């Protein structure tokens, strides 16, 4: 699938992405290039399921170091680098949920 409309679950990329927000992830950029440092990507991890993290580093072998902004985030500090082929898409749009107050 080229586009995925996904709901954010958790706060690993807060405050930019909050629990309940929506994102649109696209596979299209990955047809032309690997993910870039700073991009937010959606990927599948065999032990943790679908995750959304920011690319912190692209290693020479095309593996990616991904990080959340929360110190307790489950990310490459927990499971190591991911393969670029695990990436399902790059976040291209963010739709915040309505905030009360």
N, C-alpha and C. Protein backbone atom coordinates (compact mmCIF):
# COMPACT_ATOMS: atom_id res chain seq x y z
N UNK A 1 0.85 -1.18 0.00
CA UNK A 1 0.00 0.00 0.00
C UNK A 1 0.90 1.25 0.00
N UNK A 2 0.56 2.21 -0.81
CA UNK A 2 1.37 3.41 -0.95
C UNK A 2 1.15 4.39 0.20
N UNK A 3 -0.10 4.54 0.64
CA UNK A 3 -0.43 5.47 1.74
C UNK A 3 -1.09 4.71 2.87
N UNK A 4 -0.75 5.11 4.09
CA UNK A 4 -1.38 4.54 5.28
C UNK A 4 -1.81 5.68 6.19
N UNK A 5 -3.04 5.63 6.63
CA UNK A 5 -3.58 6.59 7.58
C UNK A 5 -3.58 5.88 8.92
N UNK A 6 -2.79 6.38 9.88
CA UNK A 6 -2.57 5.68 11.14
C UNK A 6 -2.85 6.57 12.34
N UNK A 7 -3.31 5.96 13.40
CA UNK A 7 -3.53 6.67 14.66
C UNK A 7 -2.30 6.50 15.54
N UNK A 8 -1.84 7.58 16.13
CA UNK A 8 -0.69 7.55 17.03
C UNK A 8 -1.13 6.95 18.36
N UNK A 9 -0.36 5.99 18.84
CA UNK A 9 -0.62 5.38 20.14
C UNK A 9 0.63 5.52 20.98
N UNK A 10 0.48 6.14 22.14
CA UNK A 10 1.61 6.35 23.01
C UNK A 10 2.20 7.74 22.86
N UNK A 11 3.26 7.99 23.62
CA UNK A 11 3.84 9.33 23.65
C UNK A 11 5.33 9.33 23.37
N UNK A 12 5.81 8.34 22.65
CA UNK A 12 7.26 8.25 22.44
C UNK A 12 7.82 9.37 21.59
N UNK A 13 6.97 10.08 20.83
CA UNK A 13 7.44 11.22 20.03
C UNK A 13 6.79 12.53 20.47
N UNK A 14 6.28 12.53 21.71
CA UNK A 14 5.70 13.77 22.26
C UNK A 14 6.82 14.78 22.49
N UNK A 15 6.53 16.04 22.38
CA UNK A 15 5.22 16.67 22.26
C UNK A 15 4.73 16.84 20.82
N UNK A 16 5.57 16.55 19.82
CA UNK A 16 5.14 16.76 18.43
C UNK A 16 3.97 15.86 18.05
N UNK A 17 4.06 14.59 18.36
CA UNK A 17 2.99 13.63 18.08
C UNK A 17 2.42 13.14 19.40
N UNK A 18 1.14 13.37 19.62
CA UNK A 18 0.47 13.00 20.86
C UNK A 18 -0.40 11.76 20.64
N UNK A 19 -0.63 11.03 21.71
CA UNK A 19 -1.53 9.89 21.68
C UNK A 19 -2.89 10.34 21.13
N UNK A 20 -3.39 9.66 20.12
CA UNK A 20 -4.68 10.00 19.54
C UNK A 20 -4.59 10.84 18.28
N UNK A 21 -3.42 11.41 17.98
CA UNK A 21 -3.22 12.13 16.72
C UNK A 21 -3.28 11.13 15.56
N UNK A 22 -3.34 11.65 14.36
CA UNK A 22 -3.29 10.81 13.16
C UNK A 22 -2.13 11.25 12.29
N UNK A 23 -1.57 10.31 11.55
CA UNK A 23 -0.50 10.61 10.59
C UNK A 23 -0.81 9.91 9.28
N UNK A 24 -0.28 10.48 8.23
CA UNK A 24 -0.34 9.86 6.92
C UNK A 24 1.09 9.47 6.56
N UNK A 25 1.31 8.17 6.35
CA UNK A 25 2.63 7.68 5.99
C UNK A 25 2.61 7.22 4.54
N UNK A 26 3.67 7.53 3.82
CA UNK A 26 3.75 7.17 2.41
C UNK A 26 4.98 6.33 2.13
N UNK A 27 4.78 5.33 1.31
CA UNK A 27 5.88 4.48 0.86
C UNK A 27 6.59 5.08 -0.37
N UNK A 28 5.94 6.02 -1.01
CA UNK A 28 6.45 6.59 -2.26
C UNK A 28 7.88 7.13 -2.16
N UNK A 29 8.23 7.92 -1.12
CA UNK A 29 9.62 8.41 -1.06
C UNK A 29 10.65 7.28 -1.03
N UNK A 30 10.28 6.13 -0.46
CA UNK A 30 11.21 5.02 -0.32
C UNK A 30 11.48 4.31 -1.65
N UNK A 31 10.67 4.60 -2.66
CA UNK A 31 10.93 4.03 -3.99
C UNK A 31 12.14 4.69 -4.63
N UNK A 32 12.47 5.90 -4.18
CA UNK A 32 13.53 6.68 -4.81
C UNK A 32 14.79 6.84 -3.97
N UNK A 33 14.65 6.63 -2.65
CA UNK A 33 15.79 6.84 -1.76
C UNK A 33 15.53 6.16 -0.41
N UNK A 34 16.60 5.94 0.35
CA UNK A 34 16.40 5.39 1.70
C UNK A 34 15.90 6.50 2.64
N UNK A 35 15.38 6.11 3.80
CA UNK A 35 14.97 7.13 4.78
C UNK A 35 16.14 8.04 5.14
N UNK A 36 15.82 9.28 5.50
CA UNK A 36 16.84 10.27 5.83
C UNK A 36 16.81 10.59 7.32
N UNK A 37 17.96 11.02 7.83
CA UNK A 37 18.05 11.46 9.22
C UNK A 37 17.06 12.60 9.44
N UNK A 38 16.32 12.51 10.52
CA UNK A 38 15.33 13.52 10.87
C UNK A 38 13.92 13.17 10.47
N UNK A 39 13.77 12.26 9.50
CA UNK A 39 12.42 11.87 9.08
C UNK A 39 11.79 10.96 10.13
N UNK A 40 10.47 11.05 10.22
CA UNK A 40 9.71 10.15 11.08
C UNK A 40 9.22 9.01 10.19
N UNK A 41 9.50 7.79 10.62
CA UNK A 41 9.15 6.62 9.83
C UNK A 41 8.26 5.68 10.64
N UNK A 42 7.47 4.92 9.91
CA UNK A 42 6.65 3.87 10.48
C UNK A 42 7.27 2.56 10.02
N UNK A 43 7.47 1.64 10.96
CA UNK A 43 8.10 0.37 10.62
C UNK A 43 7.53 -0.75 11.48
N UNK A 44 7.77 -1.97 11.04
CA UNK A 44 7.35 -3.14 11.79
C UNK A 44 8.56 -3.76 12.45
N UNK A 45 8.38 -4.09 13.73
CA UNK A 45 9.42 -4.78 14.48
C UNK A 45 8.86 -6.11 14.94
N UNK A 46 9.61 -7.20 14.76
CA UNK A 46 9.07 -8.52 15.10
C UNK A 46 8.62 -8.66 16.56
N UNK A 47 9.28 -8.00 17.47
CA UNK A 47 8.92 -8.13 18.90
C UNK A 47 7.96 -7.06 19.39
N UNK A 48 7.92 -5.90 18.73
CA UNK A 48 7.14 -4.77 19.25
C UNK A 48 6.00 -4.33 18.33
N UNK A 49 5.87 -4.93 17.18
CA UNK A 49 4.79 -4.56 16.26
C UNK A 49 5.11 -3.31 15.47
N UNK A 50 4.06 -2.56 15.12
CA UNK A 50 4.23 -1.34 14.32
C UNK A 50 4.63 -0.20 15.25
N UNK A 51 5.72 0.49 14.88
CA UNK A 51 6.23 1.62 15.66
C UNK A 51 6.44 2.82 14.76
N UNK A 52 6.48 3.99 15.38
CA UNK A 52 6.76 5.23 14.67
C UNK A 52 7.88 5.94 15.44
N UNK A 53 8.99 6.19 14.77
CA UNK A 53 10.16 6.81 15.40
C UNK A 53 10.85 7.74 14.40
N UNK A 54 11.71 8.59 14.94
CA UNK A 54 12.51 9.49 14.10
C UNK A 54 13.85 8.81 13.78
N UNK A 55 14.29 8.94 12.53
CA UNK A 55 15.58 8.39 12.11
C UNK A 55 16.68 9.27 12.71
N UNK A 56 17.52 8.68 13.54
CA UNK A 56 18.61 9.41 14.18
C UNK A 56 19.92 9.26 13.41
N UNK A 57 20.05 8.12 12.73
CA UNK A 57 21.30 7.87 12.00
C UNK A 57 21.05 6.80 10.94
N UNK A 58 21.69 6.97 9.79
CA UNK A 58 21.68 5.96 8.74
C UNK A 58 23.09 5.37 8.70
N UNK A 59 23.19 4.09 8.98
CA UNK A 59 24.49 3.43 9.01
C UNK A 59 24.95 3.09 7.59
N UNK A 60 26.25 2.88 7.39
CA UNK A 60 26.76 2.59 6.04
C UNK A 60 26.12 1.36 5.39
N UNK A 61 25.68 0.40 6.19
CA UNK A 61 25.05 -0.80 5.63
C UNK A 61 23.55 -0.63 5.43
N UNK A 62 23.08 0.63 5.49
CA UNK A 62 21.68 1.02 5.26
C UNK A 62 20.74 0.61 6.39
N UNK A 63 21.30 0.19 7.51
CA UNK A 63 20.44 0.00 8.68
C UNK A 63 20.21 1.37 9.31
N UNK A 64 19.15 1.47 10.10
CA UNK A 64 18.75 2.75 10.68
C UNK A 64 18.76 2.69 12.20
N UNK A 65 19.24 3.78 12.80
CA UNK A 65 19.10 3.98 14.24
C UNK A 65 17.89 4.90 14.38
N UNK A 66 16.88 4.43 15.12
CA UNK A 66 15.65 5.20 15.29
C UNK A 66 15.46 5.52 16.76
N UNK A 67 14.87 6.69 17.03
CA UNK A 67 14.70 7.14 18.40
C UNK A 67 13.35 7.80 18.59
N UNK A 68 12.85 7.67 19.81
CA UNK A 68 11.70 8.44 20.26
C UNK A 68 12.23 9.62 21.06
N UNK A 69 11.37 10.57 21.37
CA UNK A 69 11.80 11.72 22.17
C UNK A 69 11.71 11.45 23.66
N UNK A 70 10.90 10.47 24.06
CA UNK A 70 10.75 10.10 25.47
C UNK A 70 11.94 9.24 25.88
N UNK A 71 12.52 9.54 27.02
CA UNK A 71 13.69 8.80 27.52
C UNK A 71 13.37 7.31 27.71
N UNK A 72 12.10 7.00 27.98
CA UNK A 72 11.68 5.61 28.19
C UNK A 72 11.15 4.96 26.91
N UNK A 73 11.33 5.62 25.78
CA UNK A 73 10.83 5.10 24.52
C UNK A 73 11.52 3.78 24.16
N UNK A 74 10.73 2.86 23.61
CA UNK A 74 11.29 1.63 23.05
C UNK A 74 11.76 1.98 21.65
N UNK A 75 13.07 1.99 21.46
CA UNK A 75 13.65 2.38 20.18
C UNK A 75 14.97 1.66 20.00
N UNK A 76 15.86 2.18 19.17
CA UNK A 76 17.13 1.49 18.90
C UNK A 76 17.98 1.30 20.15
N UNK A 77 17.75 2.10 21.18
CA UNK A 77 18.46 1.86 22.45
C UNK A 77 18.03 0.55 23.07
N UNK A 78 16.83 0.09 22.73
CA UNK A 78 16.29 -1.16 23.25
C UNK A 78 16.59 -2.33 22.31
N UNK A 79 16.31 -2.16 21.01
CA UNK A 79 16.38 -3.29 20.08
C UNK A 79 17.45 -3.16 19.01
N UNK A 80 18.25 -2.10 19.04
CA UNK A 80 19.32 -1.94 18.06
C UNK A 80 18.83 -1.35 16.76
N UNK A 81 19.68 -1.38 15.76
CA UNK A 81 19.36 -0.81 14.44
C UNK A 81 18.30 -1.66 13.75
N UNK A 82 17.51 -1.01 12.89
CA UNK A 82 16.54 -1.74 12.09
C UNK A 82 17.00 -1.75 10.64
N UNK A 83 16.50 -2.72 9.89
CA UNK A 83 16.80 -2.79 8.47
C UNK A 83 15.93 -1.78 7.73
N UNK A 84 16.46 -1.12 6.73
CA UNK A 84 15.68 -0.16 5.96
C UNK A 84 14.45 -0.82 5.34
N UNK A 85 14.53 -2.12 5.04
CA UNK A 85 13.39 -2.81 4.44
C UNK A 85 12.22 -2.98 5.41
N UNK A 86 12.45 -2.76 6.72
CA UNK A 86 11.37 -2.84 7.70
C UNK A 86 10.47 -1.59 7.66
N UNK A 87 10.96 -0.52 7.06
CA UNK A 87 10.21 0.73 7.03
C UNK A 87 9.02 0.60 6.08
N UNK A 88 7.84 0.90 6.62
CA UNK A 88 6.60 0.83 5.84
C UNK A 88 6.29 2.16 5.16
N UNK A 89 6.80 3.25 5.73
CA UNK A 89 6.52 4.54 5.14
C UNK A 89 7.15 5.68 5.92
N UNK A 90 7.19 6.84 5.27
CA UNK A 90 7.68 8.07 5.86
C UNK A 90 6.46 8.93 6.18
N UNK A 91 6.43 9.52 7.37
CA UNK A 91 5.29 10.36 7.74
C UNK A 91 5.35 11.64 6.91
N UNK A 92 4.27 11.89 6.16
CA UNK A 92 4.22 13.07 5.30
C UNK A 92 3.18 14.08 5.75
N UNK A 93 2.30 13.68 6.67
CA UNK A 93 1.28 14.60 7.18
C UNK A 93 0.92 14.21 8.61
N UNK A 94 0.59 15.23 9.39
CA UNK A 94 0.23 15.06 10.80
C UNK A 94 -1.08 15.77 11.03
N UNK A 95 -2.05 15.04 11.59
CA UNK A 95 -3.35 15.61 11.91
C UNK A 95 -3.55 15.51 13.42
N UNK A 96 -3.31 16.61 14.15
CA UNK A 96 -3.46 16.54 15.60
C UNK A 96 -4.92 16.34 15.99
N UNK A 97 -5.12 15.58 17.05
CA UNK A 97 -6.48 15.44 17.56
C UNK A 97 -6.87 16.74 18.24
N UNK A 98 -8.14 17.06 18.27
CA UNK A 98 -8.57 18.30 18.95
C UNK A 98 -8.19 18.26 20.43
N UNK A 99 -7.63 19.34 20.92
CA UNK A 99 -7.23 19.43 22.32
C UNK A 99 -8.27 20.23 23.08
N UNK A 100 -8.61 19.77 24.26
CA UNK A 100 -9.58 20.54 25.07
C UNK A 100 -8.82 21.60 25.86
N UNK A 101 -9.52 22.64 26.20
CA UNK A 101 -8.91 23.67 27.04
C UNK A 101 -8.79 24.90 26.36
